[in-house]
Amino acid sequence: MRYLCLVHTGPDIFSGLSEAERREFDRDSLNYDKDLEASGHFIAAEALQGPETAVIVKVRSGEMSTTDGPFSETKEHLGGFILIEARDMNEAIRLAAGIPMARLATIEVRPVYSIPDPDRP
């Protein structure tokens, strides 16, 4: 089963790290992705730019509207994700605990919902 590990972080998460510590943290993150890949658990992972770079898109009554920036004022925002394959939620949680960002941020583990094909009985 697939699980999405959502990384929720604050705006100044790396402010207490030196440049060398930040590079080491990035190295740890990339190496963990490689470990997940080697064990057959890795599907995809990406870090996201800050919420100030976001554009919110809505379509209401056939009309599209956009809004720049974050949708709501929060202390944390979505900082990235790792999509994994795991046997069950317990294994997904164990794998999420190994994500280096778990040391500085919050990891939300959520099962992926597979949308049934409406054209297949």
PDB file of N, CA and C in Angstrom:
ATOM      1  N   MET A   1       0.837  -1.169   0.000  1.00  0.00           N
ATOM      2  CA  MET A   1       0.000   0.000   0.000  1.00  0.00           C
ATOM      3  C   MET A   1       0.889   1.243   0.000  1.00  0.00           C
ATOM      4  N   ARG A   2       0.413   2.293  -0.655  1.00  0.00           N
ATOM      5  CA  ARG A   2       1.171   3.537  -0.705  1.00  0.00           C
ATOM      6  C   ARG A   2       0.747   4.466   0.433  1.00  0.00           C
ATOM      7  N   TYR A   3       1.741   5.172   0.979  1.00  0.00           N
ATOM      8  CA  TYR A   3       1.527   6.149   2.042  1.00  0.00           C
ATOM      9  C   TYR A   3       2.263   7.427   1.669  1.00  0.00           C
ATOM     10  N   LEU A   4       1.615   8.565   1.951  1.00  0.00           N
ATOM     11  CA  LEU A   4       2.234   9.858   1.720  1.00  0.00           C
ATOM     12  C   LEU A   4       2.700  10.411   3.055  1.00  0.00           C
ATOM     13  N   CYS A   5       3.967  10.705   3.142  1.00  0.00           N
ATOM     14  CA  CYS A   5       4.546  11.308   4.337  1.00  0.00           C
ATOM     15  C   CYS A   5       4.680  12.801   4.055  1.00  0.00           C
ATOM     16  N   LEU A   6       3.806  13.584   4.670  1.00  0.00           N
ATOM     17  CA  LEU A   6       3.783  15.032   4.469  1.00  0.00           C
ATOM     18  C   LEU A   6       4.654  15.694   5.525  1.00  0.00           C
ATOM     19  N   VAL A   7       5.581  16.518   5.075  1.00  0.00           N
ATOM     20  CA  VAL A   7       6.489  17.216   5.977  1.00  0.00           C
ATOM     21  C   VAL A   7       5.910  18.597   6.269  1.00  0.00           C
ATOM     22  N   HIS A   8       5.523  18.830   7.521  1.00  0.00           N
ATOM     23  CA  HIS A   8       5.002  20.128   7.942  1.00  0.00           C
ATOM     24  C   HIS A   8       6.110  20.846   8.718  1.00  0.00           C
ATOM     25  N   THR A   9       6.415  22.062   8.313  1.00  0.00           N
ATOM     26  CA  THR A   9       7.535  22.779   8.893  1.00  0.00           C
ATOM     27  C   THR A   9       7.195  24.241   9.122  1.00  0.00           C
ATOM     28  N   GLY A  10       7.957  24.889   9.963  1.00  0.00           N
ATOM     29  CA  GLY A  10       7.802  26.313  10.200  1.00  0.00           C
ATOM     30  C   GLY A  10       8.706  27.100   9.269  1.00  0.00           C
ATOM     31  N   PRO A  11       8.509  28.404   9.203  1.00  0.00           N
ATOM     32  CA  PRO A  11       9.251  29.223   8.253  1.00  0.00           C
ATOM     33  C   PRO A  11      10.749  29.328   8.545  1.00  0.00           C
ATOM     34  N   ASP A  12      11.154  29.173   9.775  1.00  0.00           N
ATOM     35  CA  ASP A  12      12.574  29.344  10.115  1.00  0.00           C
ATOM     36  C   ASP A  12      13.186  28.053  10.655  1.00  0.00           C
ATOM     37  N   ILE A  13      12.794  26.950  10.071  1.00  0.00           N
ATOM     38  CA  ILE A  13      13.205  25.635  10.579  1.00  0.00           C
ATOM     39  C   ILE A  13      14.726  25.434  10.587  1.00  0.00           C
ATOM     40  N   PHE A  14      15.413  26.027   9.623  1.00  0.00           N
ATOM     41  CA  PHE A  14      16.859  25.826   9.530  1.00  0.00           C
ATOM     42  C   PHE A  14      17.658  26.980  10.128  1.00  0.00           C
ATOM     43  N   SER A  15      16.993  27.933  10.765  1.00  0.00           N
ATOM     44  CA  SER A  15      17.692  29.128  11.245  1.00  0.00           C
ATOM     45  C   SER A  15      18.753  28.821  12.311  1.00  0.00           C
ATOM     46  N   GLY A  16      18.575  27.745  13.052  1.00  0.00           N
ATOM     47  CA  GLY A  16      19.550  27.410  14.088  1.00  0.00           C
ATOM     48  C   GLY A  16      20.720  26.573  13.595  1.00  0.00           C
ATOM     49  N   LEU A  17      20.733  26.244  12.298  1.00  0.00           N
ATOM     50  CA  LEU A  17      21.795  25.405  11.747  1.00  0.00           C
ATOM     51  C   LEU A  17      22.842  26.242  11.024  1.00  0.00           C
ATOM     52  N   SER A  18      24.093  25.848  11.172  1.00  0.00           N
ATOM     53  CA  SER A  18      25.161  26.482  10.394  1.00  0.00           C
ATOM     54  C   SER A  18      25.071  25.983   8.954  1.00  0.00           C
ATOM     55  N   GLU A  19      25.797  26.603   8.059  1.00  0.00           N
ATOM     56  CA  GLU A  19      25.808  26.173   6.654  1.00  0.00           C
ATOM     57  C   GLU A  19      26.287  24.720   6.539  1.00  0.00           C
ATOM     58  N   ALA A  20      27.305  24.364   7.315  1.00  0.00           N
ATOM     59  CA  ALA A  20      27.819  22.986   7.283  1.00  0.00           C
ATOM     60  C   ALA A  20      26.774  22.007   7.813  1.00  0.00           C
ATOM     61  N   GLU A  21      26.066  22.380   8.873  1.00  0.00           N
ATOM     62  CA  GLU A  21      25.013  21.516   9.420  1.00  0.00           C
ATOM     63  C   GLU A  21      23.864  21.369   8.428  1.00  0.00           C
ATOM     64  N   ARG A  22      23.554  22.434   7.717  1.00  0.00           N
ATOM     65  CA  ARG A  22      22.483  22.385   6.706  1.00  0.00           C
ATOM     66  C   ARG A  22      22.877  21.445   5.565  1.00  0.00           C
ATOM     67  N   ARG A  23      24.113  21.540   5.091  1.00  0.00           N
ATOM     68  CA  ARG A  23      24.585  20.634   4.032  1.00  0.00           C
ATOM     69  C   ARG A  23      24.549  19.188   4.503  1.00  0.00           C
ATOM     70  N   GLU A  24      24.935  18.947   5.748  1.00  0.00           N
ATOM     71  CA  GLU A  24      24.911  17.592   6.300  1.00  0.00           C
ATOM     72  C   GLU A  24      23.467  17.087   6.400  1.00  0.00           C
ATOM     73  N   PHE A  25      22.563  17.957   6.787  1.00  0.00           N
ATOM     74  CA  PHE A  25      21.154  17.593   6.870  1.00  0.00           C
ATOM     75  C   PHE A  25      20.614  17.232   5.487  1.00  0.00           C
ATOM     76  N   ASP A  26      20.948  18.034   4.476  1.00  0.00           N
ATOM     77  CA  ASP A  26      20.535  17.737   3.103  1.00  0.00           C
ATOM     78  C   ASP A  26      21.119  16.402   2.639  1.00  0.00           C
ATOM     79  N   ARG A  27      22.369  16.146   2.989  1.00  0.00           N
ATOM     80  CA  ARG A  27      23.022  14.884   2.634  1.00  0.00           C
ATOM     81  C   ARG A  27      22.292  13.713   3.297  1.00  0.00           C
ATOM     82  N   ASP A  28      21.956  13.865   4.571  1.00  0.00           N
ATOM     83  CA  ASP A  28      21.212  12.820   5.286  1.00  0.00           C
ATOM     84  C   ASP A  28      19.870  12.543   4.609  1.00  0.00           C
ATOM     85  N   SER A  29      19.188  13.608   4.203  1.00  0.00           N
ATOM     86  CA  SER A  29      17.875  13.460   3.558  1.00  0.00           C
ATOM     87  C   SER A  29      17.998  12.703   2.242  1.00  0.00           C
ATOM     88  N   LEU A  30      18.957  13.085   1.419  1.00  0.00           N
ATOM     89  CA  LEU A  30      19.141  12.404   0.135  1.00  0.00           C
ATOM     90  C   LEU A  30      19.569  10.953   0.337  1.00  0.00           C
ATOM     91  N   ASN A  31      20.411  10.720   1.324  1.00  0.00           N
ATOM     92  CA  ASN A  31      20.841   9.346   1.605  1.00  0.00           C
ATOM     93  C   ASN A  31      19.678   8.488   2.108  1.00  0.00           C
ATOM     94  N   TYR A  32      18.766   9.075   2.891  1.00  0.00           N
ATOM     95  CA  TYR A  32      17.618   8.304   3.357  1.00  0.00           C
ATOM     96  C   TYR A  32      16.719   7.932   2.186  1.00  0.00           C
ATOM     97  N   ASP A  33      16.548   8.852   1.237  1.00  0.00           N
ATOM     98  CA  ASP A  33      15.791   8.525   0.018  1.00  0.00           C
ATOM     99  C   ASP A  33      16.432   7.334  -0.694  1.00  0.00           C
ATOM    100  N   LYS A  34      17.756   7.334  -0.774  1.00  0.00           N
ATOM    101  CA  LYS A  34      18.471   6.218  -1.427  1.00  0.00           C
ATOM    102  C   LYS A  34      18.274   4.914  -0.654  1.00  0.00           C
ATOM    103  N   ASP A  35      18.288   4.998   0.681  1.00  0.00           N
ATOM    104  CA  ASP A  35      18.050   3.806   1.508  1.00  0.00           C
ATOM    105  C   ASP A  35      16.645   3.257   1.272  1.00  0.00           C
ATOM    106  N   LEU A  36      15.645   4.162   1.217  1.00  0.00           N
ATOM    107  CA  LEU A  36      14.277   3.729   0.948  1.00  0.00           C
ATOM    108  C   LEU A  36      14.172   3.089  -0.436  1.00  0.00           C
ATOM    109  N   GLU A  37      14.869   3.670  -1.395  1.00  0.00           N
ATOM    110  CA  GLU A  37      14.854   3.114  -2.758  1.00  0.00           C
ATOM    111  C   GLU A  37      15.472   1.724  -2.775  1.00  0.00           C
ATOM    112  N   ALA A  38      16.599   1.558  -2.103  1.00  0.00           N
ATOM    113  CA  ALA A  38      17.289   0.263  -2.068  1.00  0.00           C
ATOM    114  C   ALA A  38      16.437  -0.813  -1.400  1.00  0.00           C
ATOM    115  N   SER A  39      15.595  -0.419  -0.438  1.00  0.00           N
ATOM    116  CA  SER A  39      14.760  -1.393   0.258  1.00  0.00           C
ATOM    117  C   SER A  39      13.400  -1.602  -0.422  1.00  0.00           C
ATOM    118  N   GLY A  40      13.163  -0.885  -1.529  1.00  0.00           N
ATOM    119  CA  GLY A  40      11.919  -1.050  -2.271  1.00  0.00           C
ATOM    120  C   GLY A  40      10.748  -0.245  -1.740  1.00  0.00           C
ATOM    121  N   HIS A  41      11.001   0.699  -0.842  1.00  0.00           N
ATOM    122  CA  HIS A  41       9.928   1.497  -0.255  1.00  0.00           C
ATOM    123  C   HIS A  41       9.724   2.850  -0.934  1.00  0.00           C
ATOM    124  N   PHE A  42      10.722   3.330  -1.646  1.00  0.00           N
ATOM    125  CA  PHE A  42      10.685   4.687  -2.214  1.00  0.00           C
ATOM    126  C   PHE A  42       9.869   4.737  -3.497  1.00  0.00           C
ATOM    127  N   ILE A  43       8.987   5.742  -3.589  1.00  0.00           N
ATOM    128  CA  ILE A  43       8.263   6.008  -4.826  1.00  0.00           C
ATOM    129  C   ILE A  43       8.660   7.382  -5.361  1.00  0.00           C
ATOM    130  N   ALA A  44       8.566   8.428  -4.527  1.00  0.00           N
ATOM    131  CA  ALA A  44       8.918   9.782  -4.944  1.00  0.00           C
ATOM    132  C   ALA A  44       9.109  10.662  -3.721  1.00  0.00           C
ATOM    133  N   ALA A  45       9.875  11.735  -3.872  1.00  0.00           N
ATOM    134  CA  ALA A  45      10.054  12.710  -2.798  1.00  0.00           C
ATOM    135  C   ALA A  45      10.419  14.049  -3.420  1.00  0.00           C
ATOM    136  N   GLU A  46       9.921  15.111  -2.825  1.00  0.00           N
ATOM    137  CA  GLU A  46      10.252  16.463  -3.265  1.00  0.00           C
ATOM    138  C   GLU A  46      10.157  17.408  -2.072  1.00  0.00           C
ATOM    139  N   ALA A  47      11.055  18.378  -2.053  1.00  0.00           N
ATOM    140  CA  ALA A  47      10.942  19.499  -1.121  1.00  0.00           C
ATOM    141  C   ALA A  47      10.184  20.599  -1.856  1.00  0.00           C
ATOM    142  N   LEU A  48       9.471  21.414  -1.111  1.00  0.00           N
ATOM    143  CA  LEU A  48       8.696  22.491  -1.711  1.00  0.00           C
ATOM    144  C   LEU A  48       9.267  23.844  -1.319  1.00  0.00           C
ATOM    145  N   GLN A  49       9.131  24.815  -2.216  1.00  0.00           N
ATOM    146  CA  GLN A  49       9.478  26.183  -1.871  1.00  0.00           C
ATOM    147  C   GLN A  49       8.454  26.696  -0.876  1.00  0.00           C
ATOM    148  N   GLY A  50       8.731  27.825  -0.257  1.00  0.00           N
ATOM    149  CA  GLY A  50       7.868  28.369   0.789  1.00  0.00           C
ATOM    150  C   GLY A  50       6.481  28.736   0.297  1.00  0.00           C
ATOM    151  N   PRO A  51       5.534  28.833   1.229  1.00  0.00           N
ATOM    152  CA  PRO A  51       4.150  29.123   0.853  1.00  0.00           C
ATOM    153  C   PRO A  51       3.979  30.483   0.187  1.00  0.00           C
ATOM    154  N   GLU A  52       4.927  31.389   0.378  1.00  0.00           N
ATOM    155  CA  GLU A  52       4.827  32.698  -0.263  1.00  0.00           C
ATOM    156  C   GLU A  52       4.966  32.602  -1.782  1.00  0.00           C
ATOM    157  N   THR A  53       5.432  31.460  -2.286  1.00  0.00           N
ATOM    158  CA  THR A  53       5.560  31.257  -3.734  1.00  0.00           C
ATOM    159  C   THR A  53       4.324  30.597  -4.340  1.00  0.00           C
ATOM    160  N   ALA A  54       3.362  30.240  -3.497  1.00  0.00           N
ATOM    161  CA  ALA A  54       2.188  29.487  -3.941  1.00  0.00           C
ATOM    162  C   ALA A  54       1.157  30.363  -4.635  1.00  0.00           C
ATOM    163  N   VAL A  55       0.370  29.729  -5.477  1.00  0.00           N
ATOM    164  CA  VAL A  55      -0.808  30.343  -6.073  1.00  0.00           C
ATOM    165  C   VAL A  55      -1.969  29.393  -5.815  1.00  0.00           C
ATOM    166  N   ILE A  56      -3.037  29.918  -5.264  1.00  0.00           N
ATOM    167  CA  ILE A  56      -4.237  29.141  -4.976  1.00  0.00           C
ATOM    168  C   ILE A  56      -5.179  29.283  -6.164  1.00  0.00           C
ATOM    169  N   VAL A  57      -5.675  28.156  -6.681  1.00  0.00           N
ATOM    170  CA  VAL A  57      -6.578  28.145  -7.831  1.00  0.00           C
ATOM    171  C   VAL A  57      -7.928  27.599  -7.388  1.00  0.00           C
ATOM    172  N   LYS A  58      -8.991  28.299  -7.747  1.00  0.00           N
ATOM    173  CA  LYS A  58     -10.363  27.846  -7.467  1.00  0.00           C
ATOM    174  C   LYS A  58     -11.180  27.999  -8.744  1.00  0.00           C
ATOM    175  N   VAL A  59     -12.117  27.083  -8.942  1.00  0.00           N
ATOM    176  CA  VAL A  59     -13.108  27.217 -10.008  1.00  0.00           C
ATOM    177  C   VAL A  59     -14.473  27.111  -9.343  1.00  0.00           C
ATOM    178  N   ARG A  60     -15.249  28.165  -9.462  1.00  0.00           N
ATOM    179  CA  ARG A  60     -16.591  28.210  -8.893  1.00  0.00           C
ATOM    180  C   ARG A  60     -17.550  28.690  -9.980  1.00  0.00           C
ATOM    181  N   SER A  61     -18.614  27.953 -10.167  1.00  0.00           N
ATOM    182  CA  SER A  61     -19.604  28.286 -11.199  1.00  0.00           C
ATOM    183  C   SER A  61     -18.941  28.494 -12.559  1.00  0.00           C
ATOM    184  N   GLY A  62     -17.933  27.682 -12.841  1.00  0.00           N
ATOM    185  CA  GLY A  62     -17.261  27.746 -14.134  1.00  0.00           C
ATOM    186  C   GLY A  62     -16.240  28.864 -14.266  1.00  0.00           C
ATOM    187  N   GLU A  63     -16.045  29.668 -13.238  1.00  0.00           N
ATOM    188  CA  GLU A  63     -15.098  30.782 -13.276  1.00  0.00           C
ATOM    189  C   GLU A  63     -13.867  30.466 -12.434  1.00  0.00           C
ATOM    190  N   MET A  64     -12.689  30.672 -13.025  1.00  0.00           N
ATOM    191  CA  MET A  64     -11.440  30.440 -12.308  1.00  0.00           C
ATOM    192  C   MET A  64     -10.996  31.721 -11.619  1.00  0.00           C
ATOM    193  N   SER A  65     -10.490  31.553 -10.394  1.00  0.00           N
ATOM    194  CA  SER A  65      -9.869  32.678  -9.691  1.00  0.00           C
ATOM    195  C   SER A  65      -8.571  32.192  -9.073  1.00  0.00           C
ATOM    196  N   THR A  66      -7.631  33.107  -8.904  1.00  0.00           N
ATOM    197  CA  THR A  66      -6.349  32.764  -8.292  1.00  0.00           C
ATOM    198  C   THR A  66      -6.049  33.754  -7.176  1.00  0.00           C
ATOM    199  N   THR A  67      -5.314  33.269  -6.191  1.00  0.00           N
ATOM    200  CA  THR A  67      -4.861  34.095  -5.077  1.00  0.00           C
ATOM    201  C   THR A  67      -3.397  33.780  -4.849  1.00  0.00           C
ATOM    202  N   ASP A  68      -2.560  34.800  -4.734  1.00  0.00           N
ATOM    203  CA  ASP A  68      -1.140  34.591  -4.455  1.00  0.00           C
ATOM    204  C   ASP A  68      -0.919  34.313  -2.980  1.00  0.00           C
ATOM    205  N   GLY A  69       0.133  33.548  -2.717  1.00  0.00           N
ATOM    206  CA  GLY A  69       0.551  33.321  -1.346  1.00  0.00           C
ATOM    207  C   GLY A  69      -0.203  32.213  -0.654  1.00  0.00           C
ATOM    208  N   PRO A  70       0.074  32.037   0.636  1.00  0.00           N
ATOM    209  CA  PRO A  70      -0.562  30.940   1.381  1.00  0.00           C
ATOM    210  C   PRO A  70      -2.058  31.172   1.524  1.00  0.00           C
ATOM    211  N   PHE A  71      -2.764  30.067   1.584  1.00  0.00           N
ATOM    212  CA  PHE A  71      -4.220  30.114   1.692  1.00  0.00           C
ATOM    213  C   PHE A  71      -4.667  30.623   3.055  1.00  0.00           C
ATOM    214  N   SER A  72      -3.959  30.242   4.092  1.00  0.00           N
ATOM    215  CA  SER A  72      -4.351  30.653   5.438  1.00  0.00           C
ATOM    216  C   SER A  72      -3.105  30.955   6.256  1.00  0.00           C
ATOM    217  N   GLU A  73      -3.299  31.704   7.305  1.00  0.00           N
ATOM    218  CA  GLU A  73      -2.208  32.013   8.214  1.00  0.00           C
ATOM    219  C   GLU A  73      -2.022  30.832   9.167  1.00  0.00           C
ATOM    220  N   THR A  74      -0.869  30.212   9.107  1.00  0.00           N
ATOM    221  CA  THR A  74      -0.573  29.099  10.004  1.00  0.00           C
ATOM    222  C   THR A  74       0.868  29.224  10.478  1.00  0.00           C
ATOM    223  N   LYS A  75       1.181  28.522  11.529  1.00  0.00           N
ATOM    224  CA  LYS A  75       2.556  28.512  12.018  1.00  0.00           C
ATOM    225  C   LYS A  75       3.394  27.507  11.244  1.00  0.00           C
ATOM    226  N   GLU A  76       2.751  26.493  10.672  1.00  0.00           N
ATOM    227  CA  GLU A  76       3.453  25.486   9.888  1.00  0.00           C
ATOM    228  C   GLU A  76       2.873  25.448   8.486  1.00  0.00           C
ATOM    229  N   HIS A  77       3.677  24.987   7.546  1.00  0.00           N
ATOM    230  CA  HIS A  77       3.221  24.828   6.173  1.00  0.00           C
ATOM    231  C   HIS A  77       3.786  23.529   5.606  1.00  0.00           C
ATOM    232  N   LEU A  78       3.240  23.115   4.474  1.00  0.00           N
ATOM    233  CA  LEU A  78       3.721  21.908   3.819  1.00  0.00           C
ATOM    234  C   LEU A  78       5.086  22.206   3.209  1.00  0.00           C
ATOM    235  N   GLY A  79       6.082  21.486   3.675  1.00  0.00           N
ATOM    236  CA  GLY A  79       7.454  21.726   3.217  1.00  0.00           C
ATOM    237  C   GLY A  79       7.944  20.711   2.213  1.00  0.00           C
ATOM    238  N   GLY A  80       7.243  19.598   2.088  1.00  0.00           N
ATOM    239  CA  GLY A  80       7.653  18.577   1.141  1.00  0.00           C
ATOM    240  C   GLY A  80       6.913  17.282   1.421  1.00  0.00           C
ATOM    241  N   PHE A  81       7.266  16.267   0.642  1.00  0.00           N
ATOM    242  CA  PHE A  81       6.606  14.980   0.820  1.00  0.00           C
ATOM    243  C   PHE A  81       7.527  13.855   0.396  1.00  0.00           C
ATOM    244  N   ILE A  82       7.236  12.678   0.920  1.00  0.00           N
ATOM    245  CA  ILE A  82       7.863  11.437   0.482  1.00  0.00           C
ATOM    246  C   ILE A  82       6.739  10.436   0.292  1.00  0.00           C
ATOM    247  N   LEU A  83       6.631   9.895  -0.900  1.00  0.00           N
ATOM    248  CA  LEU A  83       5.635   8.871  -1.199  1.00  0.00           C
ATOM    249  C   LEU A  83       6.328   7.525  -1.097  1.00  0.00           C
ATOM    250  N   ILE A  84       5.799   6.669  -0.228  1.00  0.00           N
ATOM    251  CA  ILE A  84       6.444   5.379   0.037  1.00  0.00           C
ATOM    252  C   ILE A  84       5.475   4.227  -0.188  1.00  0.00           C
ATOM    253  N   GLU A  85       6.042   3.058  -0.311  1.00  0.00           N
ATOM    254  CA  GLU A  85       5.298   1.801  -0.345  1.00  0.00           C
ATOM    255  C   GLU A  85       5.601   1.095   0.970  1.00  0.00           C
ATOM    256  N   ALA A  86       4.551   0.695   1.690  1.00  0.00           N
ATOM    257  CA  ALA A  86       4.741   0.012   2.966  1.00  0.00           C
ATOM    258  C   ALA A  86       3.690  -1.079   3.121  1.00  0.00           C
ATOM    259  N   ARG A  87       4.012  -2.073   3.905  1.00  0.00           N
ATOM    260  CA  ARG A  87       3.129  -3.212   4.143  1.00  0.00           C
ATOM    261  C   ARG A  87       1.839  -2.769   4.830  1.00  0.00           C
ATOM    262  N   ASP A  88       1.975  -1.852   5.818  1.00  0.00           N
ATOM    263  CA  ASP A  88       0.820  -1.381   6.581  1.00  0.00           C
ATOM    264  C   ASP A  88       1.192  -0.062   7.254  1.00  0.00           C
ATOM    265  N   MET A  89       0.256   0.509   7.998  1.00  0.00           N
ATOM    266  CA  MET A  89       0.488   1.793   8.650  1.00  0.00           C
ATOM    267  C   MET A  89       1.641   1.720   9.637  1.00  0.00           C
ATOM    268  N   ASN A  90       1.786   0.611  10.348  1.00  0.00           N
ATOM    269  CA  ASN A  90       2.887   0.487  11.305  1.00  0.00           C
ATOM    270  C   ASN A  90       4.238   0.586  10.615  1.00  0.00           C
ATOM    271  N   GLU A  91       4.382  -0.084   9.477  1.00  0.00           N
ATOM    272  CA  GLU A  91       5.645   0.007   8.749  1.00  0.00           C
ATOM    273  C   GLU A  91       5.833   1.414   8.195  1.00  0.00           C
ATOM    274  N   ALA A  92       4.767   2.035   7.710  1.00  0.00           N
ATOM    275  CA  ALA A  92       4.858   3.399   7.188  1.00  0.00           C
ATOM    276  C   ALA A  92       5.315   4.368   8.281  1.00  0.00           C
ATOM    277  N   ILE A  93       4.801   4.203   9.482  1.00  0.00           N
ATOM    278  CA  ILE A  93       5.198   5.056  10.606  1.00  0.00           C
ATOM    279  C   ILE A  93       6.670   4.840  10.932  1.00  0.00           C
ATOM    280  N   ARG A  94       7.094   3.583  10.939  1.00  0.00           N
ATOM    281  CA  ARG A  94       8.514   3.284  11.206  1.00  0.00           C
ATOM    282  C   ARG A  94       9.408   3.946  10.166  1.00  0.00           C
ATOM    283  N   LEU A  95       9.018   3.858   8.893  1.00  0.00           N
ATOM    284  CA  LEU A  95       9.799   4.476   7.828  1.00  0.00           C
ATOM    285  C   LEU A  95       9.783   6.000   7.947  1.00  0.00           C
ATOM    286  N   ALA A  96       8.641   6.571   8.301  1.00  0.00           N
ATOM    287  CA  ALA A  96       8.533   8.024   8.466  1.00  0.00           C
ATOM    288  C   ALA A  96       9.426   8.521   9.603  1.00  0.00           C
ATOM    289  N   ALA A  97       9.570   7.725  10.650  1.00  0.00           N
ATOM    290  CA  ALA A  97      10.420   8.112  11.778  1.00  0.00           C
ATOM    291  C   ALA A  97      11.880   8.228  11.367  1.00  0.00           C
ATOM    292  N   GLY A  98      12.262   7.542  10.290  1.00  0.00           N
ATOM    293  CA  GLY A  98      13.636   7.623   9.801  1.00  0.00           C
ATOM    294  C   GLY A  98      13.903   8.828   8.923  1.00  0.00           C
ATOM    295  N   ILE A  99      12.875   9.531   8.505  1.00  0.00           N
ATOM    296  CA  ILE A  99      13.049  10.705   7.657  1.00  0.00           C
ATOM    297  C   ILE A  99      13.793  11.772   8.464  1.00  0.00           C
ATOM    298  N   PRO A 100      14.934  12.251   7.975  1.00  0.00           N
ATOM    299  CA  PRO A 100      15.693  13.239   8.741  1.00  0.00           C
ATOM    300  C   PRO A 100      14.882  14.474   9.152  1.00  0.00           C
ATOM    301  N   MET A 101      13.939  14.920   8.335  1.00  0.00           N
ATOM    302  CA  MET A 101      13.129  16.085   8.691  1.00  0.00           C
ATOM    303  C   MET A 101      12.289  15.844   9.943  1.00  0.00           C
ATOM    304  N   ALA A 102      12.085  14.580  10.331  1.00  0.00           N
ATOM    305  CA  ALA A 102      11.332  14.286  11.555  1.00  0.00           C
ATOM    306  C   ALA A 102      12.057  14.835  12.779  1.00  0.00           C
ATOM    307  N   ARG A 103      13.358  15.076  12.657  1.00  0.00           N
ATOM    308  CA  ARG A 103      14.128  15.639  13.776  1.00  0.00           C
ATOM    309  C   ARG A 103      13.837  17.121  13.980  1.00  0.00           C
ATOM    310  N   LEU A 104      13.374  17.813  12.925  1.00  0.00           N
ATOM    311  CA  LEU A 104      13.139  19.251  13.007  1.00  0.00           C
ATOM    312  C   LEU A 104      11.693  19.650  12.740  1.00  0.00           C
ATOM    313  N   ALA A 105      10.944  18.789  12.086  1.00  0.00           N
ATOM    314  CA  ALA A 105       9.594  19.123  11.640  1.00  0.00           C
ATOM    315  C   ALA A 105       8.623  18.035  12.084  1.00  0.00           C
ATOM    316  N   THR A 106       7.416  18.093  11.559  1.00  0.00           N
ATOM    317  CA  THR A 106       6.385  17.103  11.831  1.00  0.00           C
ATOM    318  C   THR A 106       6.112  16.323  10.559  1.00  0.00           C
ATOM    319  N   ILE A 107       6.018  15.015  10.656  1.00  0.00           N
ATOM    320  CA  ILE A 107       5.707  14.176   9.505  1.00  0.00           C
ATOM    321  C   ILE A 107       4.302  13.608   9.701  1.00  0.00           C
ATOM    322  N   GLU A 108       3.425  13.902   8.769  1.00  0.00           N
ATOM    323  CA  GLU A 108       2.072  13.344   8.774  1.00  0.00           C
ATOM    324  C   GLU A 108       2.063  12.166   7.813  1.00  0.00           C
ATOM    325  N   VAL A 109       1.655  10.997   8.285  1.00  0.00           N
ATOM    326  CA  VAL A 109       1.599   9.800   7.454  1.00  0.00           C
ATOM    327  C   VAL A 109       0.137   9.539   7.109  1.00  0.00           C
ATOM    328  N   ARG A 110      -0.133   9.473   5.807  1.00  0.00           N
ATOM    329  CA  ARG A 110      -1.521   9.300   5.378  1.00  0.00           C
ATOM    330  C   ARG A 110      -1.591   8.254   4.265  1.00  0.00           C
ATOM    331  N   PRO A 111      -2.491   7.263   4.397  1.00  0.00           N
ATOM    332  CA  PRO A 111      -2.662   6.280   3.319  1.00  0.00           C
ATOM    333  C   PRO A 111      -3.158   6.982   2.048  1.00  0.00           C
ATOM    334  N   VAL A 112      -2.661   6.513   0.911  1.00  0.00           N
ATOM    335  CA  VAL A 112      -3.114   7.036  -0.372  1.00  0.00           C
ATOM    336  C   VAL A 112      -4.423   6.358  -0.737  1.00  0.00           C
ATOM    337  N   TYR A 113      -5.385   7.133  -1.164  1.00  0.00           N
ATOM    338  CA  TYR A 113      -6.677   6.604  -1.599  1.00  0.00           C
ATOM    339  C   TYR A 113      -6.614   6.379  -3.101  1.00  0.00           C
ATOM    340  N   SER A 114      -6.853   5.175  -3.520  1.00  0.00           N
ATOM    341  CA  SER A 114      -6.884   4.850  -4.949  1.00  0.00           C
ATOM    342  C   SER A 114      -8.319   5.047  -5.448  1.00  0.00           C
ATOM    343  N   ILE A 115      -8.495   5.992  -6.344  1.00  0.00           N
ATOM    344  CA  ILE A 115      -9.814   6.291  -6.877  1.00  0.00           C
ATOM    345  C   ILE A 115     -10.241   5.142  -7.786  1.00  0.00           C
ATOM    346  N   PRO A 116     -11.395   4.523  -7.502  1.00  0.00           N
ATOM    347  CA  PRO A 116     -11.849   3.425  -8.336  1.00  0.00           C
ATOM    348  C   PRO A 116     -12.224   3.927  -9.729  1.00  0.00           C
ATOM    349  N   ASP A 117     -11.930   3.137 -10.744  1.00  0.00           N
ATOM    350  CA  ASP A 117     -12.284   3.477 -12.113  1.00  0.00           C
ATOM    351  C   ASP A 117     -13.792   3.331 -12.274  1.00  0.00           C
ATOM    352  N   PRO A 118     -14.517   4.424 -12.551  1.00  0.00           N
ATOM    353  CA  PRO A 118     -15.979   4.338 -12.648  1.00  0.00           C
ATOM    354  C   PRO A 118     -16.457   3.524 -13.855  1.00  0.00           C
ATOM    355  N   ASP A 119     -15.554   3.256 -14.783  1.00  0.00           N
ATOM    356  CA  ASP A 119     -15.922   2.478 -15.975  1.00  0.00           C
ATOM    357  C   ASP A 119     -15.670   0.986 -15.809  1.00  0.00           C
ATOM    358  N   ARG A 120     -15.157   0.582 -14.657  1.00  0.00           N
ATOM    359  CA  ARG A 120     -14.902  -0.836 -14.388  1.00  0.00           C
ATOM    360  C   ARG A 120     -15.834  -1.315 -13.294  1.00  0.00           C
ATOM    361  N   PRO A 121     -16.492  -2.418 -13.532  1.00  0.00           N
ATOM    362  CA  PRO A 121     -17.436  -2.952 -12.505  1.00  0.00           C
ATOM    363  C   PRO A 121     -16.693  -3.467 -11.283  1.00  0.00           C
TER     364      PRO A 121
END
